[in-house]
Structure formats: C-alpha cells, structure tokens
Amino acid sequence: MAEMLRSGTTCFNDMYFFPDVAARVASKAGMRATVGLIVLDFPTMWAQNANEYIDKGLEVHDVYRSDE
C-alpha cells in the first residue's frame, strides 16, 4: 500500500488471504479498497473450511461496511 500511495494510486482491489488485515491497513492508511471474500475448500492459516471462510469474510464485511 505504501508503494501504491507513493505512485498516486488511491484505490485498489484485494482478493487474497487475510482480508481483515488488508481492510484494517487500508482504513488506517486512508485508502479506498474493495476487499473480496475468499472461499476455498481446503484449510489455510485464514480458515479451515468453506463455512469458516464465509463466516470470517462476513465478519470483516460487517466491521468495515460503514468505514469511510
């Protein structure tokens, strides 16, 4: 995000692991971001199964839905 800000980018899309971190850092940096909900059918550090991916993704959405 620091590189994007230095080059004049003001908005980005993120669709990778740890959307909670991407949303938190973008908010803190004052950047606009679209943070995608990832759902996989295998375990990762983010979630263990598809249901957990969805639940955690919806939680991130709820936390940041009205973030300016």
PDB file of N, CA and C in Angstrom:
ATOM      1  N   MET A   1       0.813  -1.182   0.000  1.00  0.00           N
ATOM      2  CA  MET A   1       0.000   0.000   0.000  1.00  0.00           C
ATOM      3  C   MET A   1       0.860   1.251   0.000  1.00  0.00           C
ATOM      4  N   ALA A   2       1.977   1.199   0.673  1.00  0.00           N
ATOM      5  CA  ALA A   2       2.870   2.358   0.681  1.00  0.00           C
ATOM      6  C   ALA A   2       3.341   2.678  -0.740  1.00  0.00           C
ATOM      7  N   GLU A   3       3.674   1.655  -1.508  1.00  0.00           N
ATOM      8  CA  GLU A   3       4.105   1.873  -2.890  1.00  0.00           C
ATOM      9  C   GLU A   3       2.971   2.441  -3.728  1.00  0.00           C
ATOM     10  N   MET A   4       1.761   1.950  -3.500  1.00  0.00           N
ATOM     11  CA  MET A   4       0.625   2.467  -4.262  1.00  0.00           C
ATOM     12  C   MET A   4       0.401   3.945  -3.943  1.00  0.00           C
ATOM     13  N   LEU A   5       0.454   4.293  -2.676  1.00  0.00           N
ATOM     14  CA  LEU A   5       0.258   5.687  -2.295  1.00  0.00           C
ATOM     15  C   LEU A   5       1.353   6.584  -2.873  1.00  0.00           C
ATOM     16  N   ARG A   6       2.577   6.091  -2.847  1.00  0.00           N
ATOM     17  CA  ARG A   6       3.693   6.894  -3.391  1.00  0.00           C
ATOM     18  C   ARG A   6       3.537   7.147  -4.879  1.00  0.00           C
ATOM     19  N   SER A   7       2.896   6.214  -5.591  1.00  0.00           N
ATOM     20  CA  SER A   7       2.742   6.379  -7.042  1.00  0.00           C
ATOM     21  C   SER A   7       1.429   7.060  -7.414  1.00  0.00           C
ATOM     22  N   GLY A   8       0.620   7.431  -6.421  1.00  0.00           N
ATOM     23  CA  GLY A   8      -0.618   8.144  -6.697  1.00  0.00           C
ATOM     24  C   GLY A   8      -1.865   7.282  -6.762  1.00  0.00           C
ATOM     25  N   THR A   9      -1.736   5.993  -6.524  1.00  0.00           N
ATOM     26  CA  THR A   9      -2.905   5.116  -6.511  1.00  0.00           C
ATOM     27  C   THR A   9      -3.727   5.400  -5.265  1.00  0.00           C
ATOM     28  N   THR A  10      -5.020   5.587  -5.441  1.00  0.00           N
ATOM     29  CA  THR A  10      -5.870   5.919  -4.290  1.00  0.00           C
ATOM     30  C   THR A  10      -6.886   4.836  -3.967  1.00  0.00           C
ATOM     31  N   CYS A  11      -7.024   3.835  -4.839  1.00  0.00           N
ATOM     32  CA  CYS A  11      -7.996   2.774  -4.619  1.00  0.00           C
ATOM     33  C   CYS A  11      -7.455   1.478  -5.209  1.00  0.00           C
ATOM     34  N   PHE A  12      -7.721   0.365  -4.534  1.00  0.00           N
ATOM     35  CA  PHE A  12      -7.255  -0.923  -5.046  1.00  0.00           C
ATOM     36  C   PHE A  12      -8.242  -2.020  -4.678  1.00  0.00           C
ATOM     37  N   ASN A  13      -8.087  -3.158  -5.328  1.00  0.00           N
ATOM     38  CA  ASN A  13      -8.899  -4.345  -5.072  1.00  0.00           C
ATOM     39  C   ASN A  13      -7.988  -5.426  -4.504  1.00  0.00           C
ATOM     40  N   ASP A  14      -8.426  -6.081  -3.448  1.00  0.00           N
ATOM     41  CA  ASP A  14      -7.654  -7.165  -2.854  1.00  0.00           C
ATOM     42  C   ASP A  14      -8.537  -8.401  -2.748  1.00  0.00           C
ATOM     43  N   MET A  15      -8.057  -9.515  -3.261  1.00  0.00           N
ATOM     44  CA  MET A  15      -8.815 -10.767  -3.221  1.00  0.00           C
ATOM     45  C   MET A  15      -7.906 -11.909  -2.790  1.00  0.00           C
ATOM     46  N   TYR A  16      -7.146 -11.700  -1.751  1.00  0.00           N
ATOM     47  CA  TYR A  16      -6.206 -12.725  -1.360  1.00  0.00           C
ATOM     48  C   TYR A  16      -6.417 -13.068   0.103  1.00  0.00           C
ATOM     49  N   PHE A  17      -5.510 -13.836   0.682  1.00  0.00           N
ATOM     50  CA  PHE A  17      -5.630 -14.243   2.069  1.00  0.00           C
ATOM     51  C   PHE A  17      -5.572 -13.044   3.013  1.00  0.00           C
ATOM     52  N   PHE A  18      -6.156 -13.196   4.174  1.00  0.00           N
ATOM     53  CA  PHE A  18      -6.152 -12.201   5.246  1.00  0.00           C
ATOM     54  C   PHE A  18      -6.824 -10.889   4.858  1.00  0.00           C
ATOM     55  N   PRO A  19      -8.076 -10.949   4.417  1.00  0.00           N
ATOM     56  CA  PRO A  19      -8.785  -9.723   4.060  1.00  0.00           C
ATOM     57  C   PRO A  19      -8.976  -8.792   5.253  1.00  0.00           C
ATOM     58  N   ASP A  20      -8.980  -9.344   6.467  1.00  0.00           N
ATOM     59  CA  ASP A  20      -9.103  -8.494   7.650  1.00  0.00           C
ATOM     60  C   ASP A  20      -7.910  -7.557   7.779  1.00  0.00           C
ATOM     61  N   VAL A  21      -6.726  -8.060   7.478  1.00  0.00           N
ATOM     62  CA  VAL A  21      -5.515  -7.240   7.552  1.00  0.00           C
ATOM     63  C   VAL A  21      -5.519  -6.193   6.441  1.00  0.00           C
ATOM     64  N   ALA A  22      -5.882  -6.598   5.233  1.00  0.00           N
ATOM     65  CA  ALA A  22      -5.927  -5.651   4.111  1.00  0.00           C
ATOM     66  C   ALA A  22      -6.907  -4.522   4.407  1.00  0.00           C
ATOM     67  N   ALA A  23      -8.079  -4.850   4.932  1.00  0.00           N
ATOM     68  CA  ALA A  23      -9.078  -3.829   5.237  1.00  0.00           C
ATOM     69  C   ALA A  23      -8.600  -2.902   6.349  1.00  0.00           C
ATOM     70  N   ARG A  24      -8.015  -3.471   7.388  1.00  0.00           N
ATOM     71  CA  ARG A  24      -7.550  -2.659   8.512  1.00  0.00           C
ATOM     72  C   ARG A  24      -6.451  -1.687   8.096  1.00  0.00           C
ATOM     73  N   VAL A  25      -5.481  -2.173   7.329  1.00  0.00           N
ATOM     74  CA  VAL A  25      -4.361  -1.329   6.914  1.00  0.00           C
ATOM     75  C   VAL A  25      -4.825  -0.269   5.914  1.00  0.00           C
ATOM     76  N   ALA A  26      -5.701  -0.641   4.996  1.00  0.00           N
ATOM     77  CA  ALA A  26      -6.222   0.341   4.041  1.00  0.00           C
ATOM     78  C   ALA A  26      -6.974   1.448   4.777  1.00  0.00           C
ATOM     79  N   SER A  27      -7.772   1.077   5.743  1.00  0.00           N
ATOM     80  CA  SER A  27      -8.509   2.068   6.522  1.00  0.00           C
ATOM     81  C   SER A  27      -7.557   2.988   7.270  1.00  0.00           C
ATOM     82  N   LYS A  28      -6.560   2.397   7.881  1.00  0.00           N
ATOM     83  CA  LYS A  28      -5.580   3.182   8.637  1.00  0.00           C
ATOM     84  C   LYS A  28      -4.796   4.130   7.724  1.00  0.00           C
ATOM     85  N   ALA A  29      -4.518   3.682   6.498  1.00  0.00           N
ATOM     86  CA  ALA A  29      -3.758   4.497   5.541  1.00  0.00           C
ATOM     87  C   ALA A  29      -4.632   5.524   4.835  1.00  0.00           C
ATOM     88  N   GLY A  30      -5.948   5.416   5.007  1.00  0.00           N
ATOM     89  CA  GLY A  30      -6.853   6.343   4.334  1.00  0.00           C
ATOM     90  C   GLY A  30      -7.068   6.015   2.870  1.00  0.00           C
ATOM     91  N   MET A  31      -6.821   4.766   2.492  1.00  0.00           N
ATOM     92  CA  MET A  31      -7.020   4.345   1.103  1.00  0.00           C
ATOM     93  C   MET A  31      -8.395   3.738   0.921  1.00  0.00           C
ATOM     94  N   ARG A  32      -8.922   3.888  -0.275  1.00  0.00           N
ATOM     95  CA  ARG A  32     -10.154   3.194  -0.636  1.00  0.00           C
ATOM     96  C   ARG A  32      -9.765   1.806  -1.125  1.00  0.00           C
ATOM     97  N   ALA A  33     -10.542   0.809  -0.739  1.00  0.00           N
ATOM     98  CA  ALA A  33     -10.231  -0.558  -1.149  1.00  0.00           C
ATOM     99  C   ALA A  33     -11.509  -1.371  -1.281  1.00  0.00           C
ATOM    100  N   THR A  34     -11.482  -2.271  -2.226  1.00  0.00           N
ATOM    101  CA  THR A  34     -12.506  -3.298  -2.319  1.00  0.00           C
ATOM    102  C   THR A  34     -11.832  -4.582  -1.879  1.00  0.00           C
ATOM    103  N   VAL A  35     -12.314  -5.127  -0.791  1.00  0.00           N
ATOM    104  CA  VAL A  35     -11.693  -6.329  -0.223  1.00  0.00           C
ATOM    105  C   VAL A  35     -12.635  -7.494  -0.471  1.00  0.00           C
ATOM    106  N   GLY A  36     -12.165  -8.447  -1.263  1.00  0.00           N
ATOM    107  CA  GLY A  36     -13.002  -9.570  -1.660  1.00  0.00           C
ATOM    108  C   GLY A  36     -13.102 -10.652  -0.611  1.00  0.00           C
ATOM    109  N   LEU A  37     -14.185 -11.381  -0.673  1.00  0.00           N
ATOM    110  CA  LEU A  37     -14.420 -12.528   0.189  1.00  0.00           C
ATOM    111  C   LEU A  37     -13.851 -13.760  -0.503  1.00  0.00           C
ATOM    112  N   ILE A  38     -12.887 -14.408   0.146  1.00  0.00           N
ATOM    113  CA  ILE A  38     -12.323 -15.617  -0.445  1.00  0.00           C
ATOM    114  C   ILE A  38     -12.981 -16.835   0.175  1.00  0.00           C
ATOM    115  N   VAL A  39     -13.241 -17.843  -0.645  1.00  0.00           N
ATOM    116  CA  VAL A  39     -13.791 -19.107  -0.164  1.00  0.00           C
ATOM    117  C   VAL A  39     -13.058 -20.222  -0.879  1.00  0.00           C
ATOM    118  N   LEU A  40     -12.404 -21.057  -0.107  1.00  0.00           N
ATOM    119  CA  LEU A  40     -11.675 -22.198  -0.648  1.00  0.00           C
ATOM    120  C   LEU A  40     -12.174 -23.464   0.033  1.00  0.00           C
ATOM    121  N   ASP A  41     -11.950 -24.593  -0.589  1.00  0.00           N
ATOM    122  CA  ASP A  41     -12.391 -25.842   0.032  1.00  0.00           C
ATOM    123  C   ASP A  41     -11.219 -26.619   0.621  1.00  0.00           C
ATOM    124  N   PHE A  42     -10.203 -25.888   1.081  1.00  0.00           N
ATOM    125  CA  PHE A  42      -9.093 -26.516   1.790  1.00  0.00           C
ATOM    126  C   PHE A  42      -8.613 -25.565   2.884  1.00  0.00           C
ATOM    127  N   PRO A  43      -8.021 -26.102   3.938  1.00  0.00           N
ATOM    128  CA  PRO A  43      -7.604 -25.260   5.059  1.00  0.00           C
ATOM    129  C   PRO A  43      -6.372 -24.414   4.752  1.00  0.00           C
ATOM    130  N   THR A  44      -6.361 -23.220   5.341  1.00  0.00           N
ATOM    131  CA  THR A  44      -5.213 -22.306   5.279  1.00  0.00           C
ATOM    132  C   THR A  44      -5.066 -21.672   6.658  1.00  0.00           C
ATOM    133  N   MET A  45      -4.140 -20.747   6.770  1.00  0.00           N
ATOM    134  CA  MET A  45      -3.990 -20.014   8.022  1.00  0.00           C
ATOM    135  C   MET A  45      -5.208 -19.133   8.295  1.00  0.00           C
ATOM    136  N   TRP A  46      -5.969 -18.781   7.272  1.00  0.00           N
ATOM    137  CA  TRP A  46      -7.126 -17.895   7.428  1.00  0.00           C
ATOM    138  C   TRP A  46      -8.351 -18.661   7.923  1.00  0.00           C
ATOM    139  N   ALA A  47      -8.616 -19.830   7.350  1.00  0.00           N
ATOM    140  CA  ALA A  47      -9.812 -20.595   7.725  1.00  0.00           C
ATOM    141  C   ALA A  47      -9.588 -22.074   7.420  1.00  0.00           C
ATOM    142  N   GLN A  48     -10.393 -22.902   8.067  1.00  0.00           N
ATOM    143  CA  GLN A  48     -10.224 -24.351   7.922  1.00  0.00           C
ATOM    144  C   GLN A  48     -11.146 -24.995   6.889  1.00  0.00           C
ATOM    145  N   ASN A  49     -12.285 -24.362   6.608  1.00  0.00           N
ATOM    146  CA  ASN A  49     -13.233 -24.941   5.656  1.00  0.00           C
ATOM    147  C   ASN A  49     -14.076 -23.826   5.040  1.00  0.00           C
ATOM    148  N   ALA A  50     -14.882 -24.165   4.049  1.00  0.00           N
ATOM    149  CA  ALA A  50     -15.661 -23.166   3.314  1.00  0.00           C
ATOM    150  C   ALA A  50     -16.576 -22.362   4.235  1.00  0.00           C
ATOM    151  N   ASN A  51     -17.225 -23.022   5.176  1.00  0.00           N
ATOM    152  CA  ASN A  51     -18.115 -22.307   6.088  1.00  0.00           C
ATOM    153  C   ASN A  51     -17.368 -21.280   6.921  1.00  0.00           C
ATOM    154  N   GLU A  52     -16.179 -21.625   7.374  1.00  0.00           N
ATOM    155  CA  GLU A  52     -15.394 -20.681   8.167  1.00  0.00           C
ATOM    156  C   GLU A  52     -14.923 -19.507   7.305  1.00  0.00           C
ATOM    157  N   TYR A  53     -14.561 -19.758   6.048  1.00  0.00           N
ATOM    158  CA  TYR A  53     -14.194 -18.674   5.134  1.00  0.00           C
ATOM    159  C   TYR A  53     -15.354 -17.684   4.999  1.00  0.00           C
ATOM    160  N   ILE A  54     -16.548 -18.209   4.803  1.00  0.00           N
ATOM    161  CA  ILE A  54     -17.720 -17.352   4.637  1.00  0.00           C
ATOM    162  C   ILE A  54     -18.010 -16.578   5.915  1.00  0.00           C
ATOM    163  N   ASP A  55     -18.003 -17.270   7.048  1.00  0.00           N
ATOM    164  CA  ASP A  55     -18.284 -16.607   8.329  1.00  0.00           C
ATOM    165  C   ASP A  55     -17.281 -15.498   8.616  1.00  0.00           C
ATOM    166  N   LYS A  56     -16.014 -15.773   8.414  1.00  0.00           N
ATOM    167  CA  LYS A  56     -14.987 -14.771   8.688  1.00  0.00           C
ATOM    168  C   LYS A  56     -15.061 -13.613   7.689  1.00  0.00           C
ATOM    169  N   GLY A  57     -15.352 -13.924   6.443  1.00  0.00           N
ATOM    170  CA  GLY A  57     -15.491 -12.880   5.436  1.00  0.00           C
ATOM    171  C   GLY A  57     -16.658 -11.952   5.732  1.00  0.00           C
ATOM    172  N   LEU A  58     -17.778 -12.515   6.154  1.00  0.00           N
ATOM    173  CA  LEU A  58     -18.930 -11.699   6.517  1.00  0.00           C
ATOM    174  C   LEU A  58     -18.643 -10.853   7.751  1.00  0.00           C
ATOM    175  N   GLU A  59     -17.852 -11.382   8.656  1.00  0.00           N
ATOM    176  CA  GLU A  59     -17.457 -10.610   9.832  1.00  0.00           C
ATOM    177  C   GLU A  59     -16.624  -9.390   9.426  1.00  0.00           C
ATOM    178  N   VAL A  60     -15.674  -9.588   8.507  1.00  0.00           N
ATOM    179  CA  VAL A  60     -14.872  -8.463   8.010  1.00  0.00           C
ATOM    180  C   VAL A  60     -15.786  -7.434   7.343  1.00  0.00           C
ATOM    181  N   HIS A  61     -16.716  -7.910   6.549  1.00  0.00           N
ATOM    182  CA  HIS A  61     -17.674  -7.012   5.891  1.00  0.00           C
ATOM    183  C   HIS A  61     -18.434  -6.187   6.919  1.00  0.00           C
ATOM    184  N   ASP A  62     -18.938  -6.836   7.951  1.00  0.00           N
ATOM    185  CA  ASP A  62     -19.722  -6.137   8.967  1.00  0.00           C
ATOM    186  C   ASP A  62     -18.892  -5.089   9.710  1.00  0.00           C
ATOM    187  N   VAL A  63     -17.629  -5.404   9.967  1.00  0.00           N
ATOM    188  CA  VAL A  63     -16.758  -4.478  10.683  1.00  0.00           C
ATOM    189  C   VAL A  63     -16.481  -3.221   9.841  1.00  0.00           C
ATOM    190  N   TYR A  64     -16.272  -3.408   8.539  1.00  0.00           N
ATOM    191  CA  TYR A  64     -15.837  -2.299   7.681  1.00  0.00           C
ATOM    192  C   TYR A  64     -16.921  -1.747   6.751  1.00  0.00           C
ATOM    193  N   ARG A  65     -18.129  -2.222   6.852  1.00  0.00           N
ATOM    194  CA  ARG A  65     -19.170  -1.821   5.906  1.00  0.00           C
ATOM    195  C   ARG A  65     -19.440  -0.320   5.901  1.00  0.00           C
ATOM    196  N   SER A  66     -19.275   0.350   7.015  1.00  0.00           N
ATOM    197  CA  SER A  66     -19.516   1.798   7.036  1.00  0.00           C
ATOM    198  C   SER A  66     -18.242   2.602   7.246  1.00  0.00           C
ATOM    199  N   ASP A  67     -17.104   1.953   7.029  1.00  0.00           N
ATOM    200  CA  ASP A  67     -15.829   2.646   7.164  1.00  0.00           C
ATOM    201  C   ASP A  67     -15.668   3.658   6.036  1.00  0.00           C
ATOM    202  N   GLU A  68     -15.331   4.861   6.388  1.00  0.00           N
ATOM    203  CA  GLU A  68     -15.178   5.894   5.356  1.00  0.00           C
ATOM    204  C   GLU A  68     -13.918   5.707   4.573  1.00  0.00           C
TER     205      GLU A  68
END
